[in-house]
Amino acid sequence: MTISYHDYKEDFYHAFLAGIFAGAGYVVQSNKEHGEGRSDIVVLDSRNGRVAVFEAKYLRILGHL
């Protein structure tokens, strides 16, 4: 699992989510190309046959912290 330059402002959230799921024993794929795009995080639960796909987004609201 790696964090790439594609994660610019989302890197903290990306690493946090990837670390939580990897630490819980799930298989985590990071920035792997799927179809026509690239998913930030794909979590594979092979035991129960489930998959979760996460996209981290950064939004800066002007005038707020």
PDB file of N, CA and C in Angstrom:
ATOM      1  N   MET A   1       0.847  -1.171   0.000  1.00  0.00           N
ATOM      2  CA  MET A   1       0.000   0.000   0.000  1.00  0.00           C
ATOM      3  C   MET A   1       0.896   1.239   0.000  1.00  0.00           C
ATOM      4  N   THR A   2       0.614   2.151  -0.920  1.00  0.00           N
ATOM      5  CA  THR A   2       1.388   3.384  -0.993  1.00  0.00           C
ATOM      6  C   THR A   2       0.466   4.566  -1.210  1.00  0.00           C
ATOM      7  N   ILE A   3       0.945   5.730  -0.889  1.00  0.00           N
ATOM      8  CA  ILE A   3       0.238   6.978  -1.161  1.00  0.00           C
ATOM      9  C   ILE A   3       0.970   7.618  -2.334  1.00  0.00           C
ATOM     10  N   SER A   4       0.242   8.057  -3.351  1.00  0.00           N
ATOM     11  CA  SER A   4       0.905   8.581  -4.533  1.00  0.00           C
ATOM     12  C   SER A   4       0.744  10.089  -4.660  1.00  0.00           C
ATOM     13  N   TYR A   5       1.394  10.644  -5.656  1.00  0.00           N
ATOM     14  CA  TYR A   5       1.289  12.079  -5.903  1.00  0.00           C
ATOM     15  C   TYR A   5      -0.102  12.465  -6.378  1.00  0.00           C
ATOM     16  N   HIS A   6      -0.947  11.506  -6.730  1.00  0.00           N
ATOM     17  CA  HIS A   6      -2.321  11.795  -7.138  1.00  0.00           C
ATOM     18  C   HIS A   6      -3.181  12.236  -5.954  1.00  0.00           C
ATOM     19  N   ASP A   7      -2.692  12.045  -4.736  1.00  0.00           N
ATOM     20  CA  ASP A   7      -3.478  12.308  -3.532  1.00  0.00           C
ATOM     21  C   ASP A   7      -3.309  13.703  -2.963  1.00  0.00           C
ATOM     22  N   TYR A   8      -2.619  14.555  -3.607  1.00  0.00           N
ATOM     23  CA  TYR A   8      -2.293  15.916  -3.202  1.00  0.00           C
ATOM     24  C   TYR A   8      -2.828  16.339  -1.831  1.00  0.00           C
ATOM     25  N   LYS A   9      -4.020  16.901  -1.731  1.00  0.00           N
ATOM     26  CA  LYS A   9      -4.538  17.414  -0.449  1.00  0.00           C
ATOM     27  C   LYS A   9      -5.228  16.349   0.389  1.00  0.00           C
ATOM     28  N   GLU A  10      -5.568  15.218  -0.197  1.00  0.00           N
ATOM     29  CA  GLU A  10      -6.291  14.183   0.534  1.00  0.00           C
ATOM     30  C   GLU A  10      -5.363  13.203   1.231  1.00  0.00           C
ATOM     31  N   ASP A  11      -4.061  13.422   1.180  1.00  0.00           N
ATOM     32  CA  ASP A  11      -3.112  12.421   1.652  1.00  0.00           C
ATOM     33  C   ASP A  11      -3.327  11.994   3.097  1.00  0.00           C
ATOM     34  N   PHE A  12      -3.679  12.911   4.001  1.00  0.00           N
ATOM     35  CA  PHE A  12      -3.908  12.546   5.400  1.00  0.00           C
ATOM     36  C   PHE A  12      -5.088  11.589   5.511  1.00  0.00           C
ATOM     37  N   TYR A  13      -6.197  11.929   4.876  1.00  0.00           N
ATOM     38  CA  TYR A  13      -7.405  11.112   4.961  1.00  0.00           C
ATOM     39  C   TYR A  13      -7.204   9.771   4.254  1.00  0.00           C
ATOM     40  N   HIS A  14      -6.505   9.810   3.159  1.00  0.00           N
ATOM     41  CA  HIS A  14      -6.191   8.593   2.412  1.00  0.00           C
ATOM     42  C   HIS A  14      -5.385   7.640   3.296  1.00  0.00           C
ATOM     43  N   ALA A  15      -4.320   8.128   3.895  1.00  0.00           N
ATOM     44  CA  ALA A  15      -3.467   7.299   4.747  1.00  0.00           C
ATOM     45  C   ALA A  15      -4.223   6.817   5.978  1.00  0.00           C
ATOM     46  N   PHE A  16      -5.057   7.668   6.557  1.00  0.00           N
ATOM     47  CA  PHE A  16      -5.841   7.294   7.731  1.00  0.00           C
ATOM     48  C   PHE A  16      -6.779   6.126   7.416  1.00  0.00           C
ATOM     49  N   LEU A  17      -7.567   6.254   6.345  1.00  0.00           N
ATOM     50  CA  LEU A  17      -8.498   5.188   5.979  1.00  0.00           C
ATOM     51  C   LEU A  17      -7.770   3.902   5.602  1.00  0.00           C
ATOM     52  N   ALA A  18      -6.721   4.021   4.805  1.00  0.00           N
ATOM     53  CA  ALA A  18      -5.965   2.840   4.391  1.00  0.00           C
ATOM     54  C   ALA A  18      -5.359   2.136   5.602  1.00  0.00           C
ATOM     55  N   GLY A  19      -4.829   2.906   6.541  1.00  0.00           N
ATOM     56  CA  GLY A  19      -4.231   2.329   7.743  1.00  0.00           C
ATOM     57  C   GLY A  19      -5.241   1.641   8.633  1.00  0.00           C
ATOM     58  N   ILE A  20      -6.413   2.242   8.790  1.00  0.00           N
ATOM     59  CA  ILE A  20      -7.471   1.638   9.618  1.00  0.00           C
ATOM     60  C   ILE A  20      -7.866   0.273   9.048  1.00  0.00           C
ATOM     61  N   PHE A  21      -8.143   0.217   7.756  1.00  0.00           N
ATOM     62  CA  PHE A  21      -8.594  -1.039   7.150  1.00  0.00           C
ATOM     63  C   PHE A  21      -7.476  -2.077   7.068  1.00  0.00           C
ATOM     64  N   ALA A  22      -6.268  -1.656   6.738  1.00  0.00           N
ATOM     65  CA  ALA A  22      -5.149  -2.607   6.686  1.00  0.00           C
ATOM     66  C   ALA A  22      -4.871  -3.166   8.080  1.00  0.00           C
ATOM     67  N   GLY A  23      -4.945  -2.310   9.098  1.00  0.00           N
ATOM     68  CA  GLY A  23      -4.727  -2.751  10.472  1.00  0.00           C
ATOM     69  C   GLY A  23      -5.798  -3.707  10.962  1.00  0.00           C
ATOM     70  N   ALA A  24      -6.989  -3.620  10.376  1.00  0.00           N
ATOM     71  CA  ALA A  24      -8.088  -4.511  10.757  1.00  0.00           C
ATOM     72  C   ALA A  24      -8.018  -5.845  10.004  1.00  0.00           C
ATOM     73  N   GLY A  25      -7.011  -5.992   9.134  1.00  0.00           N
ATOM     74  CA  GLY A  25      -6.800  -7.261   8.455  1.00  0.00           C
ATOM     75  C   GLY A  25      -7.380  -7.370   7.056  1.00  0.00           C
ATOM     76  N   TYR A  26      -7.919  -6.276   6.530  1.00  0.00           N
ATOM     77  CA  TYR A  26      -8.461  -6.305   5.178  1.00  0.00           C
ATOM     78  C   TYR A  26      -7.348  -6.096   4.158  1.00  0.00           C
ATOM     79  N   VAL A  27      -7.581  -6.553   2.934  1.00  0.00           N
ATOM     80  CA  VAL A  27      -6.658  -6.289   1.835  1.00  0.00           C
ATOM     81  C   VAL A  27      -7.005  -4.908   1.293  1.00  0.00           C
ATOM     82  N   VAL A  28      -6.014  -4.024   1.226  1.00  0.00           N
ATOM     83  CA  VAL A  28      -6.236  -2.649   0.793  1.00  0.00           C
ATOM     84  C   VAL A  28      -5.433  -2.381  -0.476  1.00  0.00           C
ATOM     85  N   GLN A  29      -6.129  -1.896  -1.502  1.00  0.00           N
ATOM     86  CA  GLN A  29      -5.465  -1.466  -2.730  1.00  0.00           C
ATOM     87  C   GLN A  29      -5.566   0.048  -2.783  1.00  0.00           C
ATOM     88  N   SER A  30      -4.468   0.695  -3.112  1.00  0.00           N
ATOM     89  CA  SER A  30      -4.414   2.150  -3.097  1.00  0.00           C
ATOM     90  C   SER A  30      -4.012   2.685  -4.464  1.00  0.00           C
ATOM     91  N   ASN A  31      -4.845   3.576  -5.018  1.00  0.00           N
ATOM     92  CA  ASN A  31      -4.573   4.234  -6.301  1.00  0.00           C
ATOM     93  C   ASN A  31      -4.362   3.265  -7.455  1.00  0.00           C
ATOM     94  N   LYS A  32      -5.041   2.157  -7.417  1.00  0.00           N
ATOM     95  CA  LYS A  32      -4.936   1.182  -8.501  1.00  0.00           C
ATOM     96  C   LYS A  32      -5.939   1.549  -9.588  1.00  0.00           C
ATOM     97  N   GLU A  33      -5.507   1.465 -10.838  1.00  0.00           N
ATOM     98  CA  GLU A  33      -6.395   1.811 -11.949  1.00  0.00           C
ATOM     99  C   GLU A  33      -7.472   0.748 -12.110  1.00  0.00           C
ATOM    100  N   HIS A  34      -8.717   1.219 -12.256  1.00  0.00           N
ATOM    101  CA  HIS A  34      -9.869   0.343 -12.467  1.00  0.00           C
ATOM    102  C   HIS A  34     -10.677   0.933 -13.613  1.00  0.00           C
ATOM    103  N   GLY A  35     -10.831   0.201 -14.690  1.00  0.00           N
ATOM    104  CA  GLY A  35     -11.619   0.699 -15.817  1.00  0.00           C
ATOM    105  C   GLY A  35     -11.003   1.952 -16.393  1.00  0.00           C
ATOM    106  N   GLU A  36     -11.751   3.055 -16.347  1.00  0.00           N
ATOM    107  CA  GLU A  36     -11.275   4.314 -16.916  1.00  0.00           C
ATOM    108  C   GLU A  36     -10.741   5.286 -15.875  1.00  0.00           C
ATOM    109  N   GLY A  37     -10.632   4.861 -14.624  1.00  0.00           N
ATOM    110  CA  GLY A  37     -10.188   5.788 -13.586  1.00  0.00           C
ATOM    111  C   GLY A  37      -9.304   5.127 -12.554  1.00  0.00           C
ATOM    112  N   ARG A  38      -9.118   5.826 -11.459  1.00  0.00           N
ATOM    113  CA  ARG A  38      -8.257   5.373 -10.379  1.00  0.00           C
ATOM    114  C   ARG A  38      -9.003   5.594  -9.065  1.00  0.00           C
ATOM    115  N   SER A  39      -9.241   4.527  -8.327  1.00  0.00           N
ATOM    116  CA  SER A  39      -9.904   4.626  -7.025  1.00  0.00           C
ATOM    117  C   SER A  39      -8.865   4.956  -5.963  1.00  0.00           C
ATOM    118  N   ASP A  40      -9.216   5.835  -5.018  1.00  0.00           N
ATOM    119  CA  ASP A  40      -8.276   6.144  -3.943  1.00  0.00           C
ATOM    120  C   ASP A  40      -7.982   4.900  -3.114  1.00  0.00           C
ATOM    121  N   ILE A  41      -9.024   4.273  -2.592  1.00  0.00           N
ATOM    122  CA  ILE A  41      -8.837   3.100  -1.744  1.00  0.00           C
ATOM    123  C   ILE A  41      -9.895   2.059  -2.092  1.00  0.00           C
ATOM    124  N   VAL A  42      -9.461   0.823  -2.289  1.00  0.00           N
ATOM    125  CA  VAL A  42     -10.371  -0.304  -2.458  1.00  0.00           C
ATOM    126  C   VAL A  42     -10.065  -1.271  -1.320  1.00  0.00           C
ATOM    127  N   VAL A  43     -11.090  -1.611  -0.546  1.00  0.00           N
ATOM    128  CA  VAL A  43     -10.945  -2.530   0.589  1.00  0.00           C
ATOM    129  C   VAL A  43     -11.622  -3.839   0.211  1.00  0.00           C
ATOM    130  N   LEU A  44     -10.870  -4.927   0.265  1.00  0.00           N
ATOM    131  CA  LEU A  44     -11.382  -6.246  -0.097  1.00  0.00           C
ATOM    132  C   LEU A  44     -11.592  -7.082   1.154  1.00  0.00           C
ATOM    133  N   ASP A  45     -12.802  -7.590   1.303  1.00  0.00           N
ATOM    134  CA  ASP A  45     -13.142  -8.497   2.404  1.00  0.00           C
ATOM    135  C   ASP A  45     -13.352  -9.870   1.793  1.00  0.00           C
ATOM    136  N   SER A  46     -12.272 -10.609   1.626  1.00  0.00           N
ATOM    137  CA  SER A  46     -12.357 -11.906   0.955  1.00  0.00           C
ATOM    138  C   SER A  46     -13.114 -12.934   1.791  1.00  0.00           C
ATOM    139  N   ARG A  47     -13.132 -12.772   3.079  1.00  0.00           N
ATOM    140  CA  ARG A  47     -13.836 -13.715   3.954  1.00  0.00           C
ATOM    141  C   ARG A  47     -15.344 -13.696   3.685  1.00  0.00           C
ATOM    142  N   ASN A  48     -15.910 -12.498   3.485  1.00  0.00           N
ATOM    143  CA  ASN A  48     -17.355 -12.357   3.271  1.00  0.00           C
ATOM    144  C   ASN A  48     -17.714 -11.998   1.827  1.00  0.00           C
ATOM    145  N   GLY A  49     -16.710 -11.904   0.945  1.00  0.00           N
ATOM    146  CA  GLY A  49     -16.959 -11.616  -0.461  1.00  0.00           C
ATOM    147  C   GLY A  49     -17.491 -10.212  -0.714  1.00  0.00           C
ATOM    148  N   ARG A  50     -16.990  -9.233   0.038  1.00  0.00           N
ATOM    149  CA  ARG A  50     -17.447  -7.847  -0.120  1.00  0.00           C
ATOM    150  C   ARG A  50     -16.284  -6.944  -0.515  1.00  0.00           C
ATOM    151  N   VAL A  51     -16.643  -5.835  -1.159  1.00  0.00           N
ATOM    152  CA  VAL A  51     -15.666  -4.826  -1.577  1.00  0.00           C
ATOM    153  C   VAL A  51     -16.229  -3.457  -1.243  1.00  0.00           C
ATOM    154  N   ALA A  52     -15.380  -2.544  -0.762  1.00  0.00           N
ATOM    155  CA  ALA A  52     -15.770  -1.150  -0.523  1.00  0.00           C
ATOM    156  C   ALA A  52     -14.786  -0.258  -1.274  1.00  0.00           C
ATOM    157  N   VAL A  53     -15.305   0.751  -1.964  1.00  0.00           N
ATOM    158  CA  VAL A  53     -14.481   1.679  -2.733  1.00  0.00           C
ATOM    159  C   VAL A  53     -14.620   3.065  -2.106  1.00  0.00           C
ATOM    160  N   PHE A  54     -13.491   3.707  -1.815  1.00  0.00           N
ATOM    161  CA  PHE A  54     -13.484   5.022  -1.181  1.00  0.00           C
ATOM    162  C   PHE A  54     -12.789   6.046  -2.071  1.00  0.00           C
ATOM    163  N   GLU A  55     -13.370   7.209  -2.159  1.00  0.00           N
ATOM    164  CA  GLU A  55     -12.777   8.356  -2.836  1.00  0.00           C
ATOM    165  C   GLU A  55     -12.646   9.472  -1.795  1.00  0.00           C
ATOM    166  N   ALA A  56     -11.440   9.899  -1.513  1.00  0.00           N
ATOM    167  CA  ALA A  56     -11.213  10.992  -0.556  1.00  0.00           C
ATOM    168  C   ALA A  56     -11.187  12.309  -1.325  1.00  0.00           C
ATOM    169  N   LYS A  57     -11.910  13.289  -0.823  1.00  0.00           N
ATOM    170  CA  LYS A  57     -11.961  14.603  -1.466  1.00  0.00           C
ATOM    171  C   LYS A  57     -11.639  15.684  -0.452  1.00  0.00           C
ATOM    172  N   TYR A  58     -10.939  16.697  -0.901  1.00  0.00           N
ATOM    173  CA  TYR A  58     -10.587  17.834  -0.076  1.00  0.00           C
ATOM    174  C   TYR A  58     -11.384  19.036  -0.547  1.00  0.00           C
ATOM    175  N   LEU A  59     -12.009  19.738   0.386  1.00  0.00           N
ATOM    176  CA  LEU A  59     -12.779  20.928   0.042  1.00  0.00           C
ATOM    177  C   LEU A  59     -12.364  22.043   0.995  1.00  0.00           C
ATOM    178  N   ARG A  60     -11.954  23.141   0.438  1.00  0.00           N
ATOM    179  CA  ARG A  60     -11.577  24.294   1.247  1.00  0.00           C
ATOM    180  C   ARG A  60     -12.707  25.313   1.122  1.00  0.00           C
ATOM    181  N   ILE A  61     -13.339  25.610   2.239  1.00  0.00           N
ATOM    182  CA  ILE A  61     -14.413  26.583   2.260  1.00  0.00           C
ATOM    183  C   ILE A  61     -13.823  27.916   2.683  1.00  0.00           C
ATOM    184  N   LEU A  62     -13.926  28.902   1.832  1.00  0.00           N
ATOM    185  CA  LEU A  62     -13.343  30.208   2.119  1.00  0.00           C
ATOM    186  C   LEU A  62     -13.996  30.848   3.332  1.00  0.00           C
ATOM    187  N   GLY A  63     -13.171  31.429   4.183  1.00  0.00           N
ATOM    188  CA  GLY A  63     -13.667  32.101   5.376  1.00  0.00           C
ATOM    189  C   GLY A  63     -13.837  31.185   6.575  1.00  0.00           C
ATOM    190  N   HIS A  64     -13.564  29.898   6.403  1.00  0.00           N
ATOM    191  CA  HIS A  64     -13.699  28.947   7.496  1.00  0.00           C
ATOM    192  C   HIS A  64     -12.379  28.195   7.657  1.00  0.00           C
ATOM    193  N   LEU A  65     -12.169  27.652   8.843  1.00  0.00           N
ATOM    194  CA  LEU A  65     -10.966  26.855   9.091  1.00  0.00           C
ATOM    195  C   LEU A  65     -11.118  25.468   8.566  1.00  0.00           C
TER     196      LEU A  65
END
